[in-house]
Amino acid sequence: METKLSAIICTFNRAPALKRCLESLVHQQEKNFETIIVDGGSDDKTNQVISFYKPKLKIKKFIFREKQLAKARDLGWRRAQGEYVAWIDDDVIVSPGWSQAIIATLDRHPKIGGVTGPTIIPPRLLKNRDIFFFYQTKGLWGALGKFWENFFLEGKKYEVGQITKSGAWTPGSNFPQSLKIKGLKQVDYLEACNMTLRRALVQKVNGFDYHYTGVGEWSELDLAMRIKKLGYQLVFNPQAKVTHFIAQTGVYSRRTGAQSRMENFLRFYFHHIFQPRPTYLLKFLAYILFLNSYWAYKAVTTRNINWLGGWLGTITGLKNVK
C-alpha cells in the first residue's frame, strides 16, 4: 500500500516531549503513515525513545546537526514517501483522529493544497509563548495587551489562520474556541507545528527557502503561501487537532537569536503581506517599533544582550528587502 502521510518531526534534546508525541502517533485511527525524525544531534535519551517506538511506528531517523531549522524541515520532506507531508513539533500531542482528518480532507478536495487544525496550548503554558505575554496581565501591561489585540490583531484574537496588515498573525487556533468551528475554513497560513501539504506541490516550489535562518520562524508560512499562490486553498480543519505543550528545552534556547527572527519576519512580510497603502505602512511601522521595544524589554529583564540583535535584524532585514 502506498504511504499516504509522512509525519515529520524535527527534534533536539527533548526526549520526554518526543516520547509523548510518538505515543500519540501510536494511537492514530488512520495507520497509513510513516514517521520521519530529523534529530539535531541530541545527547539526551532521544535515541532510546526512538528505539522504543520503532516496533510500533514506521520510523525513519536522520541526523542533521546544522542549527538551521528550515534546512532540517526541508530534509524531512525530501526523505519522505507519503503523498502528503505533515510537520509537527516534538512537543505536541496529536489527537487520535488527526491523521484521518488530514488524509480525508486532501483526498476529497484536490484544490486544497494544505491543512492545519487546532493547536491548543494549555492555559498554564501560554506564558511560554511571546505573543501571549500580555494576555494574563493587568494594569499597564494589560492595557498594552488590549492595544495589541485591537490595533495589531485588528480585533481578531480568536480568528484562526489570518495575517493582519501589520504582519501579526491571529492566534485563534491556540484557544479552545477553535474547536467549535464547523467544517473547513479557508485561512491565510498554516500553523508551523501542525502543517500538512501535498508533497507534489512542495516539490513544485522546491521546498523551504533557506534564507529563513536560525529557528526558521516564518519559513513554514512562506512555504504554505507559495503553494497558495499556485492557486490552491489552505484550510483549517477542526478535526486535525493537536495539543501544544510548549517546551523550553532543546532548540528553545536558540530563540534568543533575535536578529535572524527579525530578518525572517521582514523577508516574509514584504514577500507576502505588504501592500503600498497608507494603512499597511502605518501598521507596519508601528509594529516594527513595538517589536524593537520588546527586544529591549527582553534584554533588560533576562540580562541577555542577544535579544538586542533584533535591532540589528531590523536594519539588515530592511536593507535586504527586494
C-alpha atoms as a PDB file:
ATOM      1  CA  MET A   1       0.000   0.000   0.000  1.00  0.00           C
ATOM      2  CA  GLU A   2       1.316   3.428  -0.920  1.00  0.00           C
ATOM      3  CA  THR A   3       2.116   5.562   2.118  1.00  0.00           C
ATOM      4  CA  LYS A   4      -0.464   8.318   2.374  1.00  0.00           C
ATOM      5  CA  LEU A   5       1.070  10.559   5.026  1.00  0.00           C
ATOM      6  CA  SER A   6       4.548  11.320   6.316  1.00  0.00           C
ATOM      7  CA  ALA A   7       4.697  12.896   9.781  1.00  0.00           C
ATOM      8  CA  ILE A   8       7.933  14.888  10.057  1.00  0.00           C
ATOM      9  CA  ILE A   9       9.335  15.736  13.485  1.00  0.00           C
ATOM     10  CA  CYS A  10      12.456  17.847  13.985  1.00  0.00           C
ATOM     11  CA  THR A  11      13.855  17.325  17.464  1.00  0.00           C
ATOM     12  CA  PHE A  12      16.808  18.185  19.671  1.00  0.00           C
ATOM     13  CA  ASN A  13      17.305  17.144  23.307  1.00  0.00           C
ATOM     14  CA  ARG A  14      13.630  16.833  24.118  1.00  0.00           C
ATOM     15  CA  ALA A  15      13.340  13.122  24.884  1.00  0.00           C
ATOM     16  CA  PRO A  16      10.368  13.391  27.310  1.00  0.00           C
ATOM     17  CA  ALA A  17       8.374  15.558  24.895  1.00  0.00           C
ATOM     18  CA  LEU A  18       9.256  13.367  21.921  1.00  0.00           C
ATOM     19  CA  LYS A  19       8.095  10.289  23.844  1.00  0.00           C
ATOM     20  CA  ARG A  20       4.658  11.838  24.402  1.00  0.00           C
ATOM     21  CA  CYS A  21       4.440  12.879  20.751  1.00  0.00           C
ATOM     22  CA  LEU A  22       5.332   9.417  19.433  1.00  0.00           C
ATOM     23  CA  GLU A  23       2.944   7.747  21.871  1.00  0.00           C
ATOM     24  CA  SER A  24       0.108   9.854  20.440  1.00  0.00           C
ATOM     25  CA  LEU A  25       1.041   8.750  16.923  1.00  0.00           C
ATOM     26  CA  VAL A  26       0.788   5.114  18.007  1.00  0.00           C
ATOM     27  CA  HIS A  27      -2.892   5.686  18.806  1.00  0.00           C
ATOM     28  CA  GLN A  28      -3.914   7.144  15.455  1.00  0.00           C
ATOM     29  CA  GLN A  29      -7.150   5.792  13.991  1.00  0.00           C
ATOM     30  CA  GLU A  30      -5.679   6.000  10.473  1.00  0.00           C
ATOM     31  CA  LYS A  31      -2.489   3.918  10.406  1.00  0.00           C
ATOM     32  CA  ASN A  32      -1.265   4.543   6.857  1.00  0.00           C
ATOM     33  CA  PHE A  33       1.569   6.923   7.699  1.00  0.00           C
ATOM     34  CA  GLU A  34       5.287   6.942   8.333  1.00  0.00           C
ATOM     35  CA  THR A  35       7.228   8.988  10.878  1.00  0.00           C
ATOM     36  CA  ILE A  36      10.315  10.924   9.805  1.00  0.00           C
ATOM     37  CA  ILE A  37      12.513  12.112  12.685  1.00  0.00           C
ATOM     38  CA  VAL A  38      15.217  14.682  11.962  1.00  0.00           C
ATOM     39  CA  ASP A  39      17.462  14.807  15.018  1.00  0.00           C
ATOM     40  CA  GLY A  40      19.773  17.746  15.582  1.00  0.00           C
ATOM     41  CA  GLY A  41      22.375  15.561  17.303  1.00  0.00           C
ATOM     42  CA  SER A  42      20.682  15.016  20.660  1.00  0.00           C
ATOM     43  CA  ASP A  43      22.815  13.803  23.553  1.00  0.00           C
ATOM     44  CA  ASP A  44      19.972  13.044  25.975  1.00  0.00           C
ATOM     45  CA  LYS A  45      17.733   9.941  25.834  1.00  0.00           C
ATOM     46  CA  THR A  46      16.304  10.719  22.402  1.00  0.00           C
ATOM     47  CA  ASN A  47      17.892   7.643  20.810  1.00  0.00           C
ATOM     48  CA  GLN A  48      16.390   5.369  23.461  1.00  0.00           C
ATOM     49  CA  VAL A  49      12.947   6.878  22.901  1.00  0.00           C
ATOM     50  CA  ILE A  50      13.176   6.366  19.148  1.00  0.00           C
ATOM     51  CA  SER A  51      14.377   2.781  19.576  1.00  0.00           C
ATOM     52  CA  PHE A  52      11.445   2.039  21.888  1.00  0.00           C
ATOM     53  CA  TYR A  53       8.895   3.231  19.312  1.00  0.00           C
ATOM     54  CA  LYS A  54      10.451   1.707  16.193  1.00  0.00           C
ATOM     55  CA  PRO A  55       8.500  -1.562  16.603  1.00  0.00           C
ATOM     56  CA  LYS A  56       5.274   0.437  16.970  1.00  0.00           C
ATOM     57  CA  LEU A  57       5.703   3.023  14.208  1.00  0.00           C
ATOM     58  CA  LYS A  58       7.265   3.124  10.750  1.00  0.00           C
ATOM     59  CA  ILE A  59      10.151   5.384  11.784  1.00  0.00           C
ATOM     60  CA  LYS A  60      12.976   6.754   9.691  1.00  0.00           C
ATOM     61  CA  LYS A  61      15.614   8.730  11.566  1.00  0.00           C
ATOM     62  CA  PHE A  62      18.127  11.195  10.134  1.00  0.00           C
ATOM     63  CA  ILE A  63      20.826  13.227  11.864  1.00  0.00           C
ATOM     64  CA  PHE A  64      21.160  16.884  10.863  1.00  0.00           C
ATOM     65  CA  ARG A  65      23.466  18.937  13.067  1.00  0.00           C
ATOM     66  CA  GLU A  66      23.235  22.360  11.419  1.00  0.00           C
ATOM     67  CA  LYS A  67      21.427  24.959  13.531  1.00  0.00           C
ATOM     68  CA  GLN A  68      19.112  25.910  10.677  1.00  0.00           C
ATOM     69  CA  LEU A  69      15.580  24.670  11.256  1.00  0.00           C
ATOM     70  CA  ALA A  70      14.373  25.485   7.736  1.00  0.00           C
ATOM     71  CA  LYS A  71      17.017  23.098   6.355  1.00  0.00           C
ATOM     72  CA  ALA A  72      16.094  20.406   8.875  1.00  0.00           C
ATOM     73  CA  ARG A  73      12.413  20.674   7.960  1.00  0.00           C
ATOM     74  CA  ASP A  74      13.332  20.575   4.296  1.00  0.00           C
ATOM     75  CA  LEU A  75      15.341  17.389   4.751  1.00  0.00           C
ATOM     76  CA  GLY A  76      12.254  15.773   6.237  1.00  0.00           C
ATOM     77  CA  TRP A  77      10.027  16.023   3.189  1.00  0.00           C
ATOM     78  CA  ARG A  78      12.873  15.117   0.829  1.00  0.00           C
ATOM     79  CA  ARG A  79      13.261  11.804   2.695  1.00  0.00           C
ATOM     80  CA  ALA A  80       9.523  11.181   2.925  1.00  0.00           C
ATOM     81  CA  GLN A  81       7.465   8.736   0.864  1.00  0.00           C
ATOM     82  CA  GLY A  82       3.990   9.955   1.727  1.00  0.00           C
ATOM     83  CA  GLU A  83       1.658  11.615  -0.751  1.00  0.00           C
ATOM     84  CA  TYR A  84       1.062  14.204   1.957  1.00  0.00           C
ATOM     85  CA  VAL A  85       3.750  15.579   4.288  1.00  0.00           C
ATOM     86  CA  ALA A  86       2.927  16.872   7.760  1.00  0.00           C
ATOM     87  CA  TRP A  87       5.267  18.814  10.015  1.00  0.00           C
ATOM     88  CA  ILE A  88       4.530  18.577  13.728  1.00  0.00           C
ATOM     89  CA  ASP A  89       6.663  19.803  16.610  1.00  0.00           C
ATOM     90  CA  ASP A  90       8.213  17.326  19.024  1.00  0.00           C
ATOM     91  CA  ASP A  91       6.278  18.928  21.902  1.00  0.00           C
ATOM     92  CA  VAL A  92       2.791  18.324  20.506  1.00  0.00           C
ATOM     93  CA  ILE A  93       0.353  15.501  21.181  1.00  0.00           C
ATOM     94  CA  VAL A  94      -1.838  14.685  18.198  1.00  0.00           C
ATOM     95  CA  SER A  95      -5.460  13.708  18.684  1.00  0.00           C
ATOM     96  CA  PRO A  96      -6.485  10.137  17.691  1.00  0.00           C
ATOM     97  CA  GLY A  97      -8.331  11.409  14.608  1.00  0.00           C
ATOM     98  CA  TRP A  98      -5.574  13.744  13.428  1.00  0.00           C
ATOM     99  CA  SER A  99      -4.156  11.686  10.547  1.00  0.00           C
ATOM    100  CA  GLN A 100      -7.607  10.513   9.468  1.00  0.00           C
ATOM    101  CA  ALA A 101      -8.897  14.103   9.241  1.00  0.00           C
ATOM    102  CA  ILE A 102      -5.903  15.244   7.192  1.00  0.00           C
ATOM    103  CA  ILE A 103      -5.980  12.368   4.725  1.00  0.00           C
ATOM    104  CA  ALA A 104      -9.749  12.595   4.248  1.00  0.00           C
ATOM    105  CA  THR A 105      -9.577  16.338   3.594  1.00  0.00           C
ATOM    106  CA  LEU A 106      -6.852  16.124   0.957  1.00  0.00           C
ATOM    107  CA  ASP A 107      -8.296  13.002  -0.663  1.00  0.00           C
ATOM    108  CA  ARG A 108     -11.713  14.603  -1.103  1.00  0.00           C
ATOM    109  CA  HIS A 109     -10.653  18.103  -2.163  1.00  0.00           C
ATOM    110  CA  PRO A 110      -8.000  18.212  -4.932  1.00  0.00           C
ATOM    111  CA  LYS A 111      -7.842  22.027  -4.880  1.00  0.00           C
ATOM    112  CA  ILE A 112      -6.839  22.087  -1.229  1.00  0.00           C
ATOM    113  CA  GLY A 113      -3.056  22.303  -1.045  1.00  0.00           C
ATOM    114  CA  GLY A 114      -2.603  22.288   2.702  1.00  0.00           C
ATOM    115  CA  VAL A 115      -4.336  21.594   6.006  1.00  0.00           C
ATOM    116  CA  THR A 116      -3.900  22.791   9.570  1.00  0.00           C
ATOM    117  CA  GLY A 117      -6.028  22.470  12.679  1.00  0.00           C
ATOM    118  CA  PRO A 118      -6.380  23.459  16.326  1.00  0.00           C
ATOM    119  CA  THR A 119      -3.031  23.754  18.112  1.00  0.00           C
ATOM    120  CA  ILE A 120      -4.389  24.108  21.617  1.00  0.00           C
ATOM    121  CA  ILE A 121      -1.976  25.460  24.235  1.00  0.00           C
ATOM    122  CA  PRO A 122      -2.864  24.588  27.855  1.00  0.00           C
ATOM    123  CA  PRO A 123      -3.569  27.851  29.755  1.00  0.00           C
ATOM    124  CA  ARG A 124      -0.681  27.293  32.192  1.00  0.00           C
ATOM    125  CA  LEU A 125       1.762  27.237  29.251  1.00  0.00           C
ATOM    126  CA  LEU A 126       0.536  30.330  27.418  1.00  0.00           C
ATOM    127  CA  LYS A 127       3.221  32.385  29.166  1.00  0.00           C
ATOM    128  CA  ASN A 128       5.865  30.324  27.337  1.00  0.00           C
ATOM    129  CA  ARG A 129       4.997  31.956  24.039  1.00  0.00           C
ATOM    130  CA  ASP A 130       5.883  35.570  23.301  1.00  0.00           C
ATOM    131  CA  ILE A 131       2.565  36.527  21.748  1.00  0.00           C
ATOM    132  CA  PHE A 132       0.592  35.632  24.881  1.00  0.00           C
ATOM    133  CA  PHE A 133       2.728  37.680  27.270  1.00  0.00           C
ATOM    134  CA  PHE A 134       0.011  40.323  27.628  1.00  0.00           C
ATOM    135  CA  TYR A 135      -2.997  38.040  27.873  1.00  0.00           C
ATOM    136  CA  GLN A 136      -2.597  37.167  31.533  1.00  0.00           C
ATOM    137  CA  THR A 137      -1.628  40.597  32.855  1.00  0.00           C
ATOM    138  CA  LYS A 138      -3.444  43.613  34.238  1.00  0.00           C
ATOM    139  CA  GLY A 139      -2.741  47.311  34.666  1.00  0.00           C
ATOM    140  CA  LEU A 140      -0.339  48.899  32.189  1.00  0.00           C
ATOM    141  CA  TRP A 141       0.638  45.572  30.642  1.00  0.00           C
ATOM    142  CA  GLY A 142      -2.998  44.600  30.302  1.00  0.00           C
ATOM    143  CA  ALA A 143      -3.756  47.892  28.562  1.00  0.00           C
ATOM    144  CA  LEU A 144      -0.856  47.283  26.203  1.00  0.00           C
ATOM    145  CA  GLY A 145      -2.337  43.863  25.519  1.00  0.00           C
ATOM    146  CA  LYS A 146      -5.633  45.444  24.546  1.00  0.00           C
ATOM    147  CA  PHE A 147      -3.766  47.748  22.172  1.00  0.00           C
ATOM    148  CA  TRP A 148      -2.036  44.703  20.669  1.00  0.00           C
ATOM    149  CA  GLU A 149      -5.341  42.926  20.222  1.00  0.00           C
ATOM    150  CA  ASN A 150      -7.274  45.813  18.726  1.00  0.00           C
ATOM    151  CA  PHE A 151      -4.601  47.601  16.684  1.00  0.00           C
ATOM    152  CA  PHE A 152      -2.184  44.913  15.503  1.00  0.00           C
ATOM    153  CA  LEU A 153      -4.610  41.964  15.514  1.00  0.00           C
ATOM    154  CA  GLU A 154      -7.481  44.194  14.340  1.00  0.00           C
ATOM    155  CA  GLY A 155      -9.820  42.657  16.927  1.00  0.00           C
ATOM    156  CA  LYS A 156      -9.235  39.132  15.610  1.00  0.00           C
ATOM    157  CA  LYS A 157      -7.738  37.480  18.685  1.00  0.00           C
ATOM    158  CA  TYR A 158      -9.849  34.350  18.234  1.00  0.00           C
ATOM    159  CA  GLU A 159      -9.666  34.176  14.433  1.00  0.00           C
ATOM    160  CA  VAL A 160      -7.735  31.243  13.000  1.00  0.00           C
ATOM    161  CA  GLY A 161      -5.045  31.480  10.334  1.00  0.00           C
ATOM    162  CA  GLN A 162      -5.180  35.183   9.498  1.00  0.00           C
ATOM    163  CA  ILE A 163      -2.294  37.615   8.976  1.00  0.00           C
ATOM    164  CA  THR A 164      -3.125  41.268   9.546  1.00  0.00           C
ATOM    165  CA  LYS A 165      -1.834  44.390   7.816  1.00  0.00           C
ATOM    166  CA  SER A 166       0.882  44.842  10.448  1.00  0.00           C
ATOM    167  CA  GLY A 167       2.229  41.339   9.845  1.00  0.00           C
ATOM    168  CA  ALA A 168       0.923  39.979  13.148  1.00  0.00           C
ATOM    169  CA  TRP A 169      -0.765  36.572  12.958  1.00  0.00           C
ATOM    170  CA  THR A 170      -4.005  35.760  14.709  1.00  0.00           C
ATOM    171  CA  PRO A 171      -3.605  33.104  17.440  1.00  0.00           C
ATOM    172  CA  GLY A 172      -7.142  31.721  17.393  1.00  0.00           C
ATOM    173  CA  SER A 173      -6.111  28.117  16.780  1.00  0.00           C
ATOM    174  CA  ASN A 174      -4.324  28.092  20.141  1.00  0.00           C
ATOM    175  CA  PHE A 175      -7.607  28.525  22.041  1.00  0.00           C
ATOM    176  CA  PRO A 176     -10.435  26.017  22.688  1.00  0.00           C
ATOM    177  CA  GLN A 177     -12.846  28.277  20.785  1.00  0.00           C
ATOM    178  CA  SER A 178     -11.299  26.981  17.552  1.00  0.00           C
ATOM    179  CA  LEU A 179     -12.718  23.527  18.289  1.00  0.00           C
ATOM    180  CA  LYS A 180     -16.219  24.920  17.752  1.00  0.00           C
ATOM    181  CA  ILE A 181     -15.610  25.810  14.094  1.00  0.00           C
ATOM    182  CA  LYS A 182     -17.860  23.793  11.809  1.00  0.00           C
ATOM    183  CA  GLY A 183     -16.388  22.240   8.683  1.00  0.00           C
ATOM    184  CA  LEU A 184     -13.408  23.516   6.730  1.00  0.00           C
ATOM    185  CA  LYS A 185     -12.350  27.162   6.877  1.00  0.00           C
ATOM    186  CA  GLN A 186     -10.027  28.848   4.398  1.00  0.00           C
ATOM    187  CA  VAL A 187      -7.018  30.534   6.026  1.00  0.00           C
ATOM    188  CA  ASP A 188      -4.034  32.691   5.089  1.00  0.00           C
ATOM    189  CA  TYR A 189      -1.424  30.385   6.587  1.00  0.00           C
ATOM    190  CA  LEU A 190      -0.887  27.021   8.299  1.00  0.00           C
ATOM    191  CA  GLU A 191       0.345  26.562  11.872  1.00  0.00           C
ATOM    192  CA  ALA A 192       4.030  25.639  11.881  1.00  0.00           C
ATOM    193  CA  CYS A 193       3.562  22.870  14.466  1.00  0.00           C
ATOM    194  CA  ASN A 194       0.573  21.351  12.645  1.00  0.00           C
ATOM    195  CA  MET A 195       1.070  21.831   8.906  1.00  0.00           C
ATOM    196  CA  THR A 196       0.338  19.336   6.135  1.00  0.00           C
ATOM    197  CA  LEU A 197       0.969  19.925   2.428  1.00  0.00           C
ATOM    198  CA  ARG A 198       0.781  17.857  -0.731  1.00  0.00           C
ATOM    199  CA  ARG A 199       4.290  16.566  -1.346  1.00  0.00           C
ATOM    200  CA  ALA A 200       3.994  17.117  -5.109  1.00  0.00           C
ATOM    201  CA  LEU A 201       3.294  20.812  -4.508  1.00  0.00           C
ATOM    202  CA  VAL A 202       6.157  21.140  -2.026  1.00  0.00           C
ATOM    203  CA  GLN A 203       8.401  19.669  -4.689  1.00  0.00           C
ATOM    204  CA  LYS A 204       7.000  22.044  -7.301  1.00  0.00           C
ATOM    205  CA  VAL A 205       8.024  25.117  -5.271  1.00  0.00           C
ATOM    206  CA  ASN A 206      11.338  23.448  -4.286  1.00  0.00           C
ATOM    207  CA  GLY A 207      10.605  23.183  -0.582  1.00  0.00           C
ATOM    208  CA  PHE A 208      11.782  25.541   2.122  1.00  0.00           C
ATOM    209  CA  ASP A 209      13.591  28.799   1.457  1.00  0.00           C
ATOM    210  CA  TYR A 210      16.982  28.592   3.180  1.00  0.00           C
ATOM    211  CA  HIS A 211      17.126  32.378   3.505  1.00  0.00           C
ATOM    212  CA  TYR A 212      14.986  31.887   6.630  1.00  0.00           C
ATOM    213  CA  THR A 213      17.773  31.254   9.116  1.00  0.00           C
ATOM    214  CA  GLY A 214      18.144  30.312  12.787  1.00  0.00           C
ATOM    215  CA  VAL A 215      14.991  28.788  14.271  1.00  0.00           C
ATOM    216  CA  GLY A 216      13.363  29.310  10.877  1.00  0.00           C
ATOM    217  CA  GLU A 217      10.384  31.364  12.005  1.00  0.00           C
ATOM    218  CA  TRP A 218       8.147  32.308   9.075  1.00  0.00           C
ATOM    219  CA  SER A 219       9.760  29.712   6.770  1.00  0.00           C
ATOM    220  CA  GLU A 220       6.780  27.394   7.228  1.00  0.00           C
ATOM    221  CA  LEU A 221       4.290  30.143   6.467  1.00  0.00           C
ATOM    222  CA  ASP A 222       6.347  31.171   3.456  1.00  0.00           C
ATOM    223  CA  LEU A 223       6.220  27.628   2.061  1.00  0.00           C
ATOM    224  CA  ALA A 224       2.461  27.340   2.568  1.00  0.00           C
ATOM    225  CA  MET A 225       1.780  30.712   0.971  1.00  0.00           C
ATOM    226  CA  ARG A 226       3.934  29.917  -2.055  1.00  0.00           C
ATOM    227  CA  ILE A 227       1.727  26.883  -2.585  1.00  0.00           C
ATOM    228  CA  LYS A 228      -1.360  29.024  -2.110  1.00  0.00           C
ATOM    229  CA  LYS A 229      -0.101  31.336  -4.857  1.00  0.00           C
ATOM    230  CA  LEU A 230      -0.146  28.355  -7.237  1.00  0.00           C
ATOM    231  CA  GLY A 231      -3.940  28.527  -6.978  1.00  0.00           C
ATOM    232  CA  TYR A 232      -4.537  26.084  -4.114  1.00  0.00           C
ATOM    233  CA  GLN A 233      -6.504  26.623  -0.920  1.00  0.00           C
ATOM    234  CA  LEU A 234      -5.144  26.421   2.607  1.00  0.00           C
ATOM    235  CA  VAL A 235      -7.743  25.241   5.121  1.00  0.00           C
ATOM    236  CA  PHE A 236      -8.326  24.815   8.828  1.00  0.00           C
ATOM    237  CA  ASN A 237      -9.953  21.516   9.811  1.00  0.00           C
ATOM    238  CA  PRO A 238     -11.128  21.475  13.455  1.00  0.00           C
ATOM    239  CA  GLN A 239     -10.778  17.678  13.469  1.00  0.00           C
ATOM    240  CA  ALA A 240      -6.997  17.854  12.799  1.00  0.00           C
ATOM    241  CA  LYS A 241      -6.274  18.768  16.407  1.00  0.00           C
ATOM    242  CA  VAL A 242      -3.004  18.787  18.322  1.00  0.00           C
ATOM    243  CA  THR A 243      -2.230  19.995  21.828  1.00  0.00           C
ATOM    244  CA  HIS A 244       0.950  22.048  22.032  1.00  0.00           C
ATOM    245  CA  PHE A 245       2.825  21.526  25.297  1.00  0.00           C
ATOM    246  CA  ILE A 246       5.348  24.274  24.617  1.00  0.00           C
ATOM    247  CA  ALA A 247       8.743  23.049  25.806  1.00  0.00           C
ATOM    248  CA  GLN A 248      11.543  25.362  26.904  1.00  0.00           C
ATOM    249  CA  THR A 249      14.338  22.859  26.453  1.00  0.00           C
ATOM    250  CA  GLY A 250      16.448  21.837  23.459  1.00  0.00           C
ATOM    251  CA  VAL A 251      16.085  24.134  20.480  1.00  0.00           C
ATOM    252  CA  TYR A 252      14.048  26.652  22.521  1.00  0.00           C
ATOM    253  CA  SER A 253      17.275  28.200  23.838  1.00  0.00           C
ATOM    254  CA  ARG A 254      18.094  29.336  20.302  1.00  0.00           C
ATOM    255  CA  ARG A 255      15.081  31.659  20.200  1.00  0.00           C
ATOM    256  CA  THR A 256      17.262  34.402  21.669  1.00  0.00           C
ATOM    257  CA  GLY A 257      18.683  34.801  18.151  1.00  0.00           C
ATOM    258  CA  ALA A 258      16.532  37.878  17.651  1.00  0.00           C
ATOM    259  CA  GLN A 259      18.484  39.130  14.629  1.00  0.00           C
ATOM    260  CA  SER A 260      17.544  36.178  12.441  1.00  0.00           C
ATOM    261  CA  ARG A 261      13.989  36.196  13.781  1.00  0.00           C
ATOM    262  CA  MET A 262      13.593  39.822  12.753  1.00  0.00           C
ATOM    263  CA  GLU A 263      15.210  39.264   9.358  1.00  0.00           C
ATOM    264  CA  ASN A 264      12.900  36.303   8.758  1.00  0.00           C
ATOM    265  CA  PHE A 265       9.817  38.346   9.603  1.00  0.00           C
ATOM    266  CA  LEU A 266      10.768  41.180   7.275  1.00  0.00           C
ATOM    267  CA  ARG A 267      11.534  38.782   4.434  1.00  0.00           C
ATOM    268  CA  PHE A 268       8.142  37.118   4.834  1.00  0.00           C
ATOM    269  CA  TYR A 269       6.215  40.360   5.281  1.00  0.00           C
ATOM    270  CA  PHE A 270       7.494  42.048   2.151  1.00  0.00           C
ATOM    271  CA  HIS A 271       7.232  38.889   0.046  1.00  0.00           C
ATOM    272  CA  HIS A 272       3.671  38.054   1.016  1.00  0.00           C
ATOM    273  CA  ILE A 273       1.794  40.706   3.013  1.00  0.00           C
ATOM    274  CA  PHE A 274       2.824  44.306   2.403  1.00  0.00           C
ATOM    275  CA  GLN A 275       0.818  46.470   0.042  1.00  0.00           C
ATOM    276  CA  PRO A 276       1.770  50.066  -0.839  1.00  0.00           C
ATOM    277  CA  ARG A 277      -1.164  51.585   1.027  1.00  0.00           C
ATOM    278  CA  PRO A 278      -1.163  54.029   3.964  1.00  0.00           C
ATOM    279  CA  THR A 279      -2.934  51.603   6.313  1.00  0.00           C
ATOM    280  CA  TYR A 280      -0.329  48.899   5.722  1.00  0.00           C
ATOM    281  CA  LEU A 281       2.577  51.295   6.112  1.00  0.00           C
ATOM    282  CA  LEU A 282       1.197  52.805   9.338  1.00  0.00           C
ATOM    283  CA  LYS A 283       0.581  49.459  10.993  1.00  0.00           C
ATOM    284  CA  PHE A 284       3.860  48.007   9.778  1.00  0.00           C
ATOM    285  CA  LEU A 285       5.906  50.907  11.166  1.00  0.00           C
ATOM    286  CA  ALA A 286       4.042  50.753  14.479  1.00  0.00           C
ATOM    287  CA  TYR A 287       4.657  47.005  14.652  1.00  0.00           C
ATOM    288  CA  ILE A 288       8.380  47.442  13.985  1.00  0.00           C
ATOM    289  CA  LEU A 289       8.576  49.957  16.832  1.00  0.00           C
ATOM    290  CA  PHE A 290       6.639  47.588  19.066  1.00  0.00           C
ATOM    291  CA  LEU A 291       8.881  44.611  18.276  1.00  0.00           C
ATOM    292  CA  ASN A 292      12.069  46.565  18.862  1.00  0.00           C
ATOM    293  CA  SER A 293      10.735  47.767  22.195  1.00  0.00           C
ATOM    294  CA  TYR A 294      10.032  44.148  23.060  1.00  0.00           C
ATOM    295  CA  TRP A 295      13.611  43.116  22.206  1.00  0.00           C
ATOM    296  CA  ALA A 296      14.872  45.816  24.574  1.00  0.00           C
ATOM    297  CA  TYR A 297      12.497  44.666  27.312  1.00  0.00           C
ATOM    298  CA  LYS A 298      13.689  41.054  26.957  1.00  0.00           C
ATOM    299  CA  ALA A 299      17.339  42.118  27.030  1.00  0.00           C
ATOM    300  CA  VAL A 300      16.826  44.036  30.280  1.00  0.00           C
ATOM    301  CA  THR A 301      14.603  41.504  32.081  1.00  0.00           C
ATOM    302  CA  THR A 302      16.696  38.464  31.125  1.00  0.00           C
ATOM    303  CA  ARG A 303      20.075  40.261  31.233  1.00  0.00           C
ATOM    304  CA  ASN A 304      20.826  38.700  27.883  1.00  0.00           C
ATOM    305  CA  ILE A 305      22.154  41.185  25.336  1.00  0.00           C
ATOM    306  CA  ASN A 306      21.478  38.753  22.484  1.00  0.00           C
ATOM    307  CA  TRP A 307      17.893  39.982  22.406  1.00  0.00           C
ATOM    308  CA  LEU A 308      19.149  43.345  21.128  1.00  0.00           C
ATOM    309  CA  GLY A 309      20.113  41.518  17.957  1.00  0.00           C
ATOM    310  CA  GLY A 310      16.528  42.280  16.951  1.00  0.00           C
ATOM    311  CA  TRP A 311      17.561  45.909  16.453  1.00  0.00           C
ATOM    312  CA  LEU A 312      20.332  44.866  14.104  1.00  0.00           C
ATOM    313  CA  GLY A 313      17.981  42.449  12.383  1.00  0.00           C
ATOM    314  CA  THR A 314      15.610  45.310  11.659  1.00  0.00           C
ATOM    315  CA  ILE A 315      18.370  47.203   9.861  1.00  0.00           C
ATOM    316  CA  THR A 316      19.764  44.242   7.934  1.00  0.00           C
ATOM    317  CA  GLY A 317      16.303  42.879   7.191  1.00  0.00           C
ATOM    318  CA  LEU A 318      15.075  46.149   5.703  1.00  0.00           C
ATOM    319  CA  LYS A 319      18.334  46.541   3.793  1.00  0.00           C
ATOM    320  CA  ASN A 320      17.840  43.152   2.139  1.00  0.00           C
ATOM    321  CA  VAL A 321      14.205  43.704   1.144  1.00  0.00           C
ATOM    322  CA  LYS A 322      13.778  43.242  -2.603  1.00  0.00           C
END
